[in-house]
Protein backbone atom coordinates (compact mmCIF):
# COMPACT_ATOMS: atom_id res chain seq x y z
CA UNK A 1 -7.13 -14.95 -13.87
CA UNK A 2 -8.53 -12.77 -10.77
CA UNK A 3 -5.20 -11.10 -10.49
CA UNK A 4 -2.77 -10.15 -13.14
CA UNK A 5 1.12 -8.85 -12.60
CA UNK A 6 3.20 -7.20 -14.91
CA UNK A 7 6.89 -6.00 -14.53
CA UNK A 8 7.62 -2.54 -15.52
CA UNK A 9 11.18 -1.85 -15.20
CA UNK A 10 11.53 -1.31 -11.80
CA UNK A 11 7.88 -1.15 -10.94
CA UNK A 12 5.59 -4.39 -10.15
CA UNK A 13 1.71 -3.63 -11.11
CA UNK A 14 -0.81 -5.73 -9.71
CA UNK A 15 -4.31 -5.63 -11.24
CA UNK A 16 -7.40 -7.17 -9.49
CA UNK A 17 -10.34 -8.11 -11.89
CA UNK A 18 -12.54 -10.61 -10.49
CA UNK A 19 -16.24 -10.06 -11.26
CA UNK A 20 -18.66 -6.72 -11.42
CA UNK A 21 -17.22 -5.51 -7.99
CA UNK A 22 -13.74 -7.27 -7.59
CA UNK A 23 -14.64 -9.00 -4.42
CA UNK A 24 -12.06 -11.19 -2.71
CA UNK A 25 -12.30 -14.90 -1.52
CA UNK A 26 -9.35 -16.31 0.23
CA UNK A 27 -7.94 -17.63 -2.91
CA UNK A 28 -8.16 -14.02 -4.34
CA UNK A 29 -5.71 -13.06 -1.14
CA UNK A 30 -3.62 -15.87 -1.61
CA UNK A 31 -3.09 -14.73 -5.37
CA UNK A 32 -2.43 -10.96 -4.65
CA UNK A 33 0.38 -12.41 -1.16
CA UNK A 34 2.02 -14.08 -3.74
CA UNK A 35 2.52 -10.97 -6.36
CA UNK A 36 3.38 -9.00 -3.07
CA UNK A 37 6.10 -11.63 -2.19
CA UNK A 38 7.29 -11.23 -5.81
CA UNK A 39 7.87 -7.78 -5.19
CA UNK A 40 9.89 -8.47 -2.15
CA UNK A 41 11.81 -11.24 -3.25
CA UNK A 42 13.20 -9.89 -6.61
CA UNK A 43 16.19 -7.30 -6.28
CA UNK A 44 15.11 -5.57 -9.49
CA UNK A 45 12.03 -4.49 -8.23
CA UNK A 46 11.56 -1.29 -6.10
CA UNK A 47 8.24 -0.25 -6.08
CA UNK A 48 4.60 -1.98 -6.19
CA UNK A 49 1.44 -0.36 -7.94
CA UNK A 50 -1.73 -2.32 -6.85
CA UNK A 51 -5.28 -1.66 -8.70
CA UNK A 52 -8.02 -2.75 -10.60
CA UNK A 53 -10.42 -2.89 -13.31
CA UNK A 54 -13.96 -2.26 -13.70
CA UNK A 55 -16.41 0.51 -12.00
CA UNK A 56 -14.81 -0.66 -8.94
CA UNK A 57 -11.45 -1.17 -6.88
CA UNK A 58 -12.98 -3.58 -4.66
CA UNK A 59 -16.21 -4.34 -2.46
CA UNK A 60 -13.72 -6.10 -0.38
CA UNK A 61 -14.29 -9.72 1.12
CA UNK A 62 -16.52 -11.88 -1.07
CA UNK A 63 -20.06 -12.42 1.01
CA UNK A 64 -21.10 -15.08 -1.86
CA UNK A 65 -17.71 -16.80 -0.83
CA UNK A 66 -18.50 -20.40 0.45
CA UNK A 67 -15.36 -20.43 2.94
CA UNK A 68 -14.93 -18.91 6.40
CA UNK A 69 -13.10 -15.41 6.37
CA UNK A 70 -10.73 -16.82 8.86
CA UNK A 71 -9.52 -18.87 6.10
CA UNK A 72 -5.90 -19.43 5.38
CA UNK A 73 -5.49 -15.96 2.92
CA UNK A 74 -1.29 -16.91 2.66
CA UNK A 75 1.79 -14.83 3.19
CA UNK A 76 0.09 -11.45 3.79
CA UNK A 77 -3.35 -12.01 4.98
CA UNK A 78 -6.66 -10.62 3.53
CA UNK A 79 -6.10 -8.70 0.09
CA UNK A 80 -2.45 -10.01 0.14
CA UNK A 81 -1.05 -7.03 1.82
CA UNK A 82 -3.41 -6.05 4.98
CA UNK A 83 -1.14 -8.35 6.94
CA UNK A 84 2.40 -8.53 5.04
CA UNK A 85 4.50 -7.27 8.14
CA UNK A 86 8.08 -8.62 5.92
CA UNK A 87 7.19 -6.62 2.93
CA UNK A 88 9.79 -3.82 2.58
CA UNK A 89 9.16 -2.20 -0.85
CA UNK A 90 6.48 0.60 -1.07
CA UNK A 91 3.38 0.32 -2.53
CA UNK A 92 1.36 2.93 -4.55
CA UNK A 93 -2.53 2.27 -4.60
CA UNK A 94 -3.99 3.47 -7.46
CA UNK A 95 -7.60 3.32 -6.81
CA UNK A 96 -10.10 3.65 -9.69
CA UNK A 97 -13.22 2.95 -8.61
CA UNK A 98 -15.40 2.69 -5.35
CA UNK A 99 -13.91 1.52 -2.49
CA UNK A 100 -15.72 -0.68 0.46
CA UNK A 101 -15.13 -2.73 3.43
CA UNK A 102 -12.02 -4.93 2.88
CA UNK A 103 -10.94 -2.85 -0.26
CA UNK A 104 -10.69 0.36 1.81
CA UNK A 105 -8.42 -1.99 4.12
CA UNK A 106 -6.08 -3.07 1.25
CA UNK A 107 -5.96 0.80 0.47
CA UNK A 108 -4.99 1.88 4.00
CA UNK A 109 -2.48 -0.68 3.70
CA UNK A 110 -0.23 0.67 0.89
CA UNK A 111 2.19 3.59 1.55
CA UNK A 112 0.44 5.85 -0.98
CA UNK A 113 -2.71 6.35 -2.77
CA UNK A 114 -3.28 7.79 -5.88
CA UNK A 115 -7.24 8.32 -6.68
CA UNK A 116 -9.22 8.93 -9.61
CA UNK A 117 -12.20 11.84 -9.42
CA UNK A 118 -15.32 10.48 -8.23
CA UNK A 119 -13.83 7.56 -6.09
CA UNK A 120 -15.66 6.96 -2.57
CA UNK A 121 -14.29 4.78 0.08
CA UNK A 122 -16.26 3.42 3.20
CA UNK A 123 -15.96 0.93 5.85
CA UNK A 124 -19.75 -0.68 5.80
CA UNK A 125 -18.90 -3.47 7.97
CA UNK A 126 -21.04 -2.13 11.32
CA UNK A 127 -23.90 -2.10 9.02
CA UNK A 128 -23.90 -5.87 8.25
CA UNK A 129 -23.06 -6.67 11.50
CA UNK A 130 -19.34 -7.04 11.37
CA UNK A 131 -16.22 -5.32 11.95
CA UNK A 132 -13.53 -4.20 9.87
CA UNK A 133 -11.11 -6.03 11.24
CA UNK A 134 -8.40 -6.38 8.63
CA UNK A 135 -6.94 -3.42 9.45
CA UNK A 136 -9.70 -0.65 8.69
CA UNK A 137 -10.48 -0.27 12.57
CA UNK A 138 -6.82 -0.07 13.92
CA UNK A 139 -5.07 1.93 10.50
CA UNK A 140 -8.41 4.45 10.23
CA UNK A 141 -7.87 6.30 13.37
CA UNK A 142 -4.37 6.90 12.64
CA UNK A 143 -4.99 8.38 9.01
CA UNK A 144 -7.79 10.67 10.06
CA UNK A 145 -8.81 12.73 13.05
CA UNK A 146 -10.35 10.00 15.48
CA UNK A 147 -13.87 11.46 15.47
CA UNK A 148 -13.86 10.99 11.53
CA UNK A 149 -12.41 7.95 11.42
CA UNK A 150 -15.05 6.76 14.07
CA UNK A 151 -18.18 8.23 12.27
CA UNK A 152 -17.03 6.40 8.88
CA UNK A 153 -16.87 3.17 10.92
CA UNK A 154 -19.90 3.64 12.82
CA UNK A 155 -22.05 4.58 10.21
CA UNK A 156 -20.90 3.34 7.23
CA UNK A 157 -20.39 6.91 5.63
CA UNK A 158 -19.14 6.83 2.03
CA UNK A 159 -16.26 9.87 1.82
CA UNK A 160 -15.07 11.16 -1.36
CA UNK A 161 -11.26 11.19 -3.12
CA UNK A 162 -11.44 14.77 -2.56
CA UNK A 163 -12.27 14.46 0.81
CA UNK A 164 -9.48 12.02 1.82
CA UNK A 165 -6.82 13.86 -0.06
CA UNK A 166 -8.18 16.72 2.35
CA UNK A 167 -7.15 14.96 5.36
CA UNK A 168 -4.25 13.57 3.31
CA UNK A 169 -4.53 10.16 3.13
CA UNK A 170 -4.82 10.30 -0.60
CA UNK A 171 -1.84 11.71 -2.06
CA UNK A 172 -3.42 12.87 -5.32
CA UNK A 173 -6.32 13.21 -7.21
CA UNK A 174 -6.41 12.86 -10.84
CA UNK A 175 -9.12 12.42 -13.71
CA UNK A 176 -9.58 8.21 -14.15
CA UNK A 177 -8.47 8.59 -17.42
CA UNK A 178 -4.90 9.86 -16.39
CA UNK A 179 -5.15 7.40 -13.04
CA UNK A 180 -2.35 4.84 -14.03
CA UNK A 181 -0.23 7.61 -15.68
CA UNK A 182 -0.48 9.68 -12.49
CA UNK A 183 0.71 6.10 -10.22
CA UNK A 184 3.48 5.58 -12.56
CA UNK A 185 4.53 8.73 -12.64
CA UNK A 186 5.02 8.91 -8.73
CA UNK A 187 6.24 5.04 -8.90
CA UNK A 188 8.55 6.05 -11.64
CA UNK A 189 9.59 9.08 -9.10
CA UNK A 190 10.10 6.45 -5.95
CA UNK A 191 12.37 3.74 -8.47
CA UNK A 192 14.75 6.70 -9.04
CA UNK A 193 16.06 7.10 -5.37
CA UNK A 194 17.91 4.20 -3.79
CA UNK A 195 16.70 0.80 -3.38
CA UNK A 196 18.23 0.15 0.27
CA UNK A 197 17.27 3.93 1.33
CA UNK A 198 13.52 2.97 0.50
CA UNK A 199 13.40 -0.20 3.00
CA UNK A 200 15.06 2.20 5.81
CA UNK A 201 12.42 4.55 5.39
CA UNK A 202 9.60 1.84 5.42
CA UNK A 203 11.28 0.18 8.18
CA UNK A 204 12.29 3.09 10.35
CA UNK A 205 8.65 4.37 9.73
CA UNK A 206 6.66 0.63 10.83
CA UNK A 207 9.29 0.15 13.83
CA UNK A 208 8.37 3.79 15.41
CA UNK A 209 5.01 4.25 14.85
CA UNK A 210 3.11 5.00 17.67
CA UNK A 211 5.68 6.16 19.73
CA UNK A 212 7.01 9.80 20.83
CA UNK A 213 9.63 11.26 18.82
CA UNK A 214 12.38 10.90 21.78
CA UNK A 215 11.38 7.38 22.34
CA UNK A 216 10.92 7.11 18.14
CA UNK A 217 14.71 8.45 18.20
CA UNK A 218 16.02 5.42 20.95
CA UNK A 219 14.17 2.92 18.60
CA UNK A 220 15.64 4.08 15.35
CA UNK A 221 19.17 3.99 16.70
CA UNK A 222 18.84 0.56 19.00
CA UNK A 223 21.15 -1.12 16.12
CA UNK A 224 18.53 -3.89 15.57
CA UNK A 225 17.11 -2.39 12.13
CA UNK A 226 18.69 -4.05 9.08
CA UNK A 227 18.69 -1.70 6.05
CA UNK A 228 18.51 1.49 8.54
CA UNK A 229 21.87 -0.05 9.59
CA UNK A 230 23.42 -1.20 6.36
CA UNK A 231 22.80 2.60 4.90
CA UNK A 232 25.87 4.57 5.47
CA UNK A 233 28.58 2.09 4.95
CA UNK A 234 26.56 1.07 1.79
CA UNK A 235 27.81 1.05 -1.67
CA UNK A 236 24.49 3.16 -2.97
CA UNK A 237 25.45 5.87 -0.18
CA UNK A 238 29.20 6.20 -1.84
CA UNK A 239 27.53 6.19 -5.46
CA UNK A 240 24.79 8.63 -4.74
CA UNK A 241 27.75 10.78 -3.16
CA UNK A 242 29.62 10.65 -6.20
CA UNK A 243 26.89 10.88 -8.95
CA UNK A 244 25.90 14.51 -6.89
CA UNK A 245 29.45 15.42 -7.49
CA UNK A 246 29.69 14.03 -11.19
CA UNK A 247 26.36 15.75 -11.68
CA UNK A 248 25.25 12.30 -13.34
CA UNK A 249 22.06 10.31 -12.70
CA UNK A 250 23.36 7.83 -9.92
CA UNK A 251 23.53 3.85 -11.08
CA UNK A 252 21.78 1.98 -7.86
CA UNK A 253 23.10 -1.55 -6.86
CA UNK A 254 20.77 -1.94 -3.58
CA UNK A 255 23.90 -3.01 -1.84
């Protein structure tokens, strides 16, 4: 199997293992999309981790694949996540190795990133006459200073995990043998929070991206954000307050 999936309590771990460099074709993208769809649909899951096995996280699109790069990629587009607009649950990328092209675009689609020491990131498409159009050309300038992002895309320069952490793109850099421990610890901290709150945070972030603060407030208060609109009257909001008053851990229902 190119993609394996394992549920650990409220966390869904998705692992890519396809050849030496974990290059992805349309079938792999559809398999990843199915895994993220499982995360979305299962009320017992709060957060996903996407990782890989081997020296590479992913080299991106499989140049040896005998298919058109615009083939049907499934529910989430390339790599199952780069265009999954309906996913309302957070995803953590646990980056184990070299991350190039579409592999980096997959990472950029995640909400949080934990990377192993020594990992390098690059968008190399321009060097082979292509464009990082599975989100890289759009997302990278929003995550890094524009000049740095343009340099990376227009030269193919590799940047270390440590540099990406300095720019704020990576949350944490850890020894390779502690990568999954760190990613799971972060996922557990996320999963300890109210599921509806997690959805609302992601919903508001997505809806207000690119807006000035005043316009973002207007968008947030417009009344059409479903998860946010349910927050204050939700059972979980009442449970959260009760848990604080009673000095105990909350028992979330997601309602």
